[in-house]
Amino acid sequence: MLAMLPPGALRRPVAAAARLARAWACPPVRAESGAGAASRGDRGIFSQVLASLATGARPNNSIFYEIRTYDIKPSKMKECVEVFNKYLHLRTAHSELVGFWSAELGAMNKVVHVWKYDNFAHRAAVRRALANDKAWQETLLSRFLPLVEKQHNEVAYLVPWCQLGKPPKEGGIYEWVTFQVKPGGPALWGEEFQAAINAQVNTGHAKLIGVFHTECGLLNTVHVIWWNESPDHWAVGRRSAYEDARVVAAVQNSIRFLESQQNMLLIPFQCSPLK
């Protein structure tokens, strides 16, 4: 389920930033003591405000998600699935796994998994524990590494107006949609993007699982995860969206912030919490 913000909630921070920008550009007259320290302080405060507006307010600023993508050698994909389904419990003993999928359409021989952390200190502690976990290294890691061609990771946060969802039942297929958007974070594009997502949610064709934006890796990237009952159900939903005036209008209003987009259809592993 989406946790909605009032329509003007994302406009107010931007307006506040504009007022602070004017104040910073034309500061009030100050005493000269401190050799400009007050002016530098104004600039520091303003920079902090802009940094916070780049991503928007979050219910808990410390929780983040690490998105890991592995390109697997084509001849080793079957073995990869078997290894993770059998031994991933050695890794999940250390931190929470959100989902684990393999690409079926839109990409090939690719594995995507998402891990949740309370904060960066939590992740660092997990990495230290893994470095000392001989069972994980010798049983899982030693079997997995020879199967990999390339690895990539990102740090991402849920957008302020979305909570992590779950599918209504097991089975089905997941659509992972990646948007490259203009710089500025949810404070810039959040309201229009939210409207476009809500318009698609309201059609009832797919279940929204989560909307994430990156803070480390390829910046200004938004990942949206949807659940569908089947590839055919997904295809019907796509065609229906093209003919839905509400969806078309909302998408047209949001594309001014869009640079590019791509998608994949994913199949969950047996070991994935999201199935």
Protein backbone atom coordinates (compact mmCIF):
# COMPACT_ATOMS: atom_id res chain seq x y z
CA MET A 1 0.00 0.00 0.00
CA LEU A 2 1.12 3.52 -0.68
CA ALA A 3 1.52 5.97 2.16
CA MET A 4 0.25 9.17 0.55
CA LEU A 5 1.43 12.67 1.32
CA PRO A 6 -0.91 15.65 0.94
CA PRO A 7 -0.73 17.11 -2.59
CA GLY A 8 1.15 20.22 -1.47
CA ALA A 9 3.63 18.44 0.79
CA LEU A 10 6.34 18.28 -1.82
CA ARG A 11 5.76 21.83 -3.01
CA ARG A 12 6.29 23.35 0.43
CA PRO A 13 9.94 22.24 0.84
CA VAL A 14 10.81 23.65 -2.58
CA ALA A 15 9.19 26.97 -1.74
CA ALA A 16 11.10 27.02 1.54
CA ALA A 17 14.33 26.39 -0.31
CA ALA A 18 13.59 29.28 -2.64
CA ARG A 19 13.07 31.61 0.33
CA LEU A 20 16.32 30.44 1.87
CA ALA A 21 18.09 30.94 -1.44
CA ARG A 22 16.97 34.56 -1.58
CA ALA A 23 18.02 35.11 2.04
CA TRP A 24 21.42 33.57 1.35
CA ALA A 25 21.96 35.68 -1.76
CA CYS A 26 20.99 38.90 0.10
CA PRO A 27 21.86 38.33 3.79
CA PRO A 28 21.04 40.97 6.40
CA VAL A 29 23.78 43.35 7.48
CA ARG A 30 25.90 41.83 10.24
CA ALA A 31 28.69 42.98 12.49
CA GLU A 32 32.09 42.19 10.99
CA SER A 33 33.38 40.35 14.03
CA GLY A 34 34.30 36.76 13.32
CA ALA A 35 35.81 37.52 9.90
CA GLY A 36 32.76 36.41 7.94
CA ALA A 37 32.03 33.38 10.10
CA ALA A 38 28.33 34.19 10.24
CA SER A 39 28.13 34.43 6.44
CA ARG A 40 29.90 31.11 6.07
CA GLY A 41 27.47 29.65 8.60
CA ASP A 42 24.54 30.83 6.51
CA ARG A 43 26.02 29.13 3.47
CA GLY A 44 26.63 25.93 5.43
CA ILE A 45 23.04 25.84 6.70
CA PHE A 46 21.71 26.52 3.21
CA SER A 47 23.85 23.71 1.76
CA GLN A 48 22.47 21.31 4.37
CA VAL A 49 18.91 22.30 3.50
CA LEU A 50 19.52 21.75 -0.19
CA ALA A 51 21.10 18.38 0.53
CA SER A 52 18.04 17.30 2.51
CA LEU A 53 15.69 18.51 -0.21
CA ALA A 54 17.59 16.55 -2.85
CA THR A 55 16.03 13.36 -1.58
CA GLY A 56 13.04 14.58 0.42
CA ALA A 57 12.06 13.76 3.98
CA ARG A 58 11.99 10.08 4.89
CA PRO A 59 10.18 8.46 7.84
CA ASN A 60 13.48 6.91 8.95
CA ASN A 61 16.59 8.42 7.36
CA SER A 62 18.88 5.59 8.43
CA ILE A 63 17.20 2.59 6.76
CA PHE A 64 18.43 1.91 3.25
CA TYR A 65 18.47 -0.87 0.67
CA GLU A 66 21.43 -2.30 -1.17
CA ILE A 67 20.52 -3.40 -4.68
CA ARG A 68 22.97 -5.97 -6.06
CA THR A 69 23.03 -7.04 -9.71
CA TYR A 70 25.14 -9.95 -10.94
CA ASP A 71 25.79 -10.89 -14.56
CA ILE A 72 26.17 -14.67 -14.67
CA LYS A 73 28.09 -16.68 -17.25
CA PRO A 74 25.47 -18.01 -19.70
CA SER A 75 26.53 -21.63 -19.24
CA LYS A 76 26.35 -21.29 -15.44
CA MET A 77 22.88 -19.81 -14.88
CA LYS A 78 21.27 -23.10 -13.88
CA GLU A 79 24.07 -23.80 -11.42
CA CYS A 80 23.73 -20.29 -9.99
CA VAL A 81 20.05 -20.83 -9.23
CA GLU A 82 20.79 -24.15 -7.55
CA VAL A 83 23.62 -22.75 -5.42
CA PHE A 84 21.61 -19.83 -4.07
CA ASN A 85 18.46 -21.83 -3.43
CA LYS A 86 20.48 -24.38 -1.47
CA TYR A 87 22.92 -22.20 0.46
CA LEU A 88 21.56 -18.63 0.68
CA HIS A 89 20.45 -19.26 4.27
CA LEU A 90 24.11 -18.87 5.22
CA ARG A 91 23.95 -15.27 3.98
CA THR A 92 20.48 -14.39 5.30
CA ALA A 93 21.64 -15.39 8.78
CA HIS A 94 23.48 -12.03 8.83
CA SER A 95 20.96 -9.52 7.40
CA GLU A 96 17.49 -9.19 5.93
CA LEU A 97 16.90 -10.17 2.31
CA VAL A 98 13.98 -8.41 0.60
CA GLY A 99 13.94 -10.25 -2.72
CA PHE A 100 16.05 -12.38 -5.05
CA TRP A 101 15.22 -12.74 -8.75
CA SER A 102 16.59 -13.82 -12.12
CA ALA A 103 15.80 -11.91 -15.31
CA GLU A 104 13.51 -13.66 -17.78
CA LEU A 105 12.79 -10.89 -20.31
CA GLY A 106 14.47 -7.52 -20.87
CA ALA A 107 17.83 -8.95 -19.80
CA MET A 108 19.50 -12.35 -19.78
CA ASN A 109 21.70 -14.24 -17.34
CA LYS A 110 21.18 -11.56 -14.72
CA VAL A 111 20.42 -11.88 -11.01
CA VAL A 112 19.00 -9.04 -8.89
CA HIS A 113 18.71 -9.05 -5.11
CA VAL A 114 17.82 -6.42 -2.52
CA TRP A 115 19.07 -6.27 1.09
CA LYS A 116 17.74 -4.08 3.89
CA TYR A 117 20.02 -2.36 6.45
CA ASP A 118 19.21 -0.25 9.49
CA ASN A 119 22.11 2.10 8.73
CA PHE A 120 25.66 2.05 7.31
CA ALA A 121 27.13 0.92 10.62
CA HIS A 122 24.81 -2.10 10.44
CA ARG A 123 26.05 -2.95 6.94
CA ALA A 124 29.67 -2.57 8.03
CA ALA A 125 29.07 -4.95 10.93
CA VAL A 126 27.47 -7.47 8.57
CA ARG A 127 30.44 -7.28 6.19
CA ARG A 128 32.85 -7.87 9.09
CA ALA A 129 30.81 -10.86 10.25
CA LEU A 130 30.81 -12.33 6.73
CA ALA A 131 34.57 -11.91 6.50
CA ASN A 132 34.84 -14.20 9.54
CA ASP A 133 32.12 -16.66 8.52
CA LYS A 134 33.98 -19.71 7.18
CA ALA A 135 30.78 -21.61 6.39
CA TRP A 136 29.51 -18.79 4.14
CA GLN A 137 32.89 -18.39 2.44
CA GLU A 138 33.61 -22.06 1.86
CA THR A 139 30.08 -23.28 1.11
CA LEU A 140 28.36 -20.43 -0.74
CA LEU A 141 30.93 -17.86 -1.85
CA SER A 142 33.44 -20.39 -3.19
CA ARG A 143 30.73 -22.00 -5.33
CA PHE A 144 29.25 -18.70 -6.53
CA LEU A 145 32.26 -16.60 -7.53
CA PRO A 146 33.34 -18.82 -10.48
CA LEU A 147 29.86 -18.33 -11.99
CA VAL A 148 29.98 -14.51 -12.10
CA GLU A 149 31.09 -12.25 -14.93
CA LYS A 150 30.30 -8.88 -13.35
CA GLN A 151 28.87 -7.40 -10.14
CA HIS A 152 27.22 -4.05 -9.46
CA ASN A 153 25.61 -2.51 -6.40
CA GLU A 154 23.63 0.61 -5.48
CA VAL A 155 22.42 2.25 -2.30
CA ALA A 156 18.74 3.18 -2.55
CA TYR A 157 15.98 4.55 -0.34
CA LEU A 158 12.24 4.16 -0.59
CA VAL A 159 10.68 7.41 -1.80
CA PRO A 160 8.92 9.31 1.02
CA TRP A 161 5.41 8.39 -0.15
CA CYS A 162 5.89 4.64 -0.55
CA GLN A 163 6.17 1.70 1.82
CA LEU A 164 7.51 -1.71 0.86
CA GLY A 165 4.64 -3.92 -0.26
CA LYS A 166 4.06 -7.65 -0.69
CA PRO A 167 2.30 -9.60 -3.44
CA PRO A 168 -1.21 -10.88 -2.68
CA LYS A 169 -0.05 -14.46 -3.24
CA GLU A 170 3.01 -16.47 -4.20
CA GLY A 171 3.86 -17.09 -7.81
CA GLY A 172 3.56 -14.65 -10.66
CA ILE A 173 6.22 -12.45 -12.17
CA TYR A 174 7.87 -9.18 -11.16
CA GLU A 175 8.47 -6.18 -13.39
CA TRP A 176 11.54 -4.11 -12.48
CA VAL A 177 11.34 -0.70 -14.16
CA THR A 178 14.32 1.67 -14.03
CA PHE A 179 13.91 5.37 -14.74
CA GLN A 180 16.78 7.79 -15.25
CA VAL A 181 15.41 11.16 -14.11
CA LYS A 182 16.63 14.74 -14.00
CA PRO A 183 18.73 15.73 -10.97
CA GLY A 184 16.89 17.05 -7.93
CA GLY A 185 15.45 14.04 -6.14
CA PRO A 186 11.84 13.52 -4.99
CA ALA A 187 11.59 17.20 -3.98
CA LEU A 188 11.76 17.99 -7.72
CA TRP A 189 9.94 15.14 -9.46
CA GLY A 190 8.18 13.39 -6.58
CA GLU A 191 4.68 14.84 -6.91
CA GLU A 192 4.31 14.19 -10.64
CA PHE A 193 5.97 10.79 -10.41
CA GLN A 194 3.70 9.82 -7.53
CA ALA A 195 0.65 10.81 -9.58
CA ALA A 196 1.83 8.64 -12.49
CA ILE A 197 2.43 5.66 -10.19
CA ASN A 198 -0.92 6.11 -8.45
CA ALA A 199 -2.74 6.25 -11.78
CA GLN A 200 -1.28 2.86 -12.65
CA VAL A 201 -1.99 1.44 -9.18
CA ASN A 202 -5.62 2.51 -9.51
CA THR A 203 -6.09 0.43 -12.66
CA GLY A 204 -5.72 -2.68 -10.49
CA HIS A 205 -3.66 -4.53 -13.08
CA ALA A 206 -0.47 -4.84 -10.99
CA LYS A 207 0.57 -4.71 -7.35
CA LEU A 208 3.12 -2.04 -6.43
CA ILE A 209 5.96 -3.50 -4.35
CA GLY A 210 8.26 -0.49 -3.97
CA VAL A 211 9.66 2.72 -5.44
CA PHE A 212 13.35 3.37 -4.73
CA HIS A 213 15.71 6.21 -5.63
CA THR A 214 19.49 5.86 -5.60
CA GLU A 215 21.96 7.67 -3.37
CA CYS A 216 25.09 5.75 -4.39
CA GLY A 217 25.87 4.21 -7.76
CA LEU A 218 24.22 5.71 -10.83
CA LEU A 219 22.53 8.75 -9.30
CA ASN A 220 19.13 10.16 -10.28
CA THR A 221 17.85 6.64 -10.84
CA VAL A 222 14.43 5.40 -9.74
CA HIS A 223 13.60 1.70 -9.54
CA VAL A 224 9.94 0.63 -9.43
CA ILE A 225 8.99 -2.98 -8.65
CA TRP A 226 5.59 -4.35 -9.67
CA TRP A 227 4.04 -7.79 -9.18
CA ASN A 228 1.85 -9.41 -11.85
CA GLU A 229 0.02 -12.72 -11.85
CA SER A 230 1.68 -13.83 -15.09
CA PRO A 231 3.50 -12.45 -18.16
CA ASP A 232 0.20 -12.49 -20.07
CA HIS A 233 -1.52 -10.56 -17.27
CA TRP A 234 1.34 -8.06 -17.39
CA ALA A 235 0.91 -7.67 -21.17
CA VAL A 236 -2.84 -7.06 -20.82
CA GLY A 237 -2.15 -4.44 -18.16
CA ARG A 238 0.33 -2.67 -20.42
CA ARG A 239 -2.17 -2.48 -23.27
CA SER A 240 -4.93 -1.28 -20.96
CA ALA A 241 -2.70 1.47 -19.55
CA TYR A 242 -2.13 2.86 -23.03
CA GLU A 243 -5.91 3.25 -23.40
CA ASP A 244 -6.60 4.68 -19.92
CA ALA A 245 -6.94 8.46 -20.14
CA ARG A 246 -6.02 8.92 -16.46
CA VAL A 247 -2.78 6.98 -16.85
CA VAL A 248 -1.89 8.71 -20.11
CA ALA A 249 -2.47 12.18 -18.61
CA ALA A 250 -0.45 11.43 -15.47
CA VAL A 251 2.44 9.94 -17.44
CA GLN A 252 2.49 12.86 -19.88
CA ASN A 253 2.77 15.25 -16.94
CA SER A 254 5.72 13.35 -15.45
CA ILE A 255 7.85 12.68 -18.54
CA ARG A 256 9.36 16.17 -18.45
CA PHE A 257 11.55 14.85 -15.63
CA LEU A 258 12.48 11.66 -17.50
CA GLU A 259 15.75 11.01 -19.32
CA SER A 260 15.35 7.30 -20.14
CA GLN A 261 13.73 4.10 -18.90
CA GLN A 262 14.05 0.34 -19.22
CA ASN A 263 12.44 -2.72 -17.68
CA MET A 264 12.94 -6.40 -16.95
CA LEU A 265 10.57 -9.21 -16.10
CA LEU A 266 11.94 -11.18 -13.16
CA ILE A 267 11.28 -14.63 -11.72
CA PRO A 268 11.77 -15.03 -7.96
CA PHE A 269 14.16 -17.67 -6.64
CA GLN A 270 12.77 -20.26 -4.25
CA CYS A 271 14.88 -18.62 -1.53
CA SER A 272 13.36 -15.17 -2.15
CA PRO A 273 11.11 -13.72 0.58
CA LEU A 274 9.15 -12.00 -2.19
CA LYS A 275 7.76 -14.86 -4.28
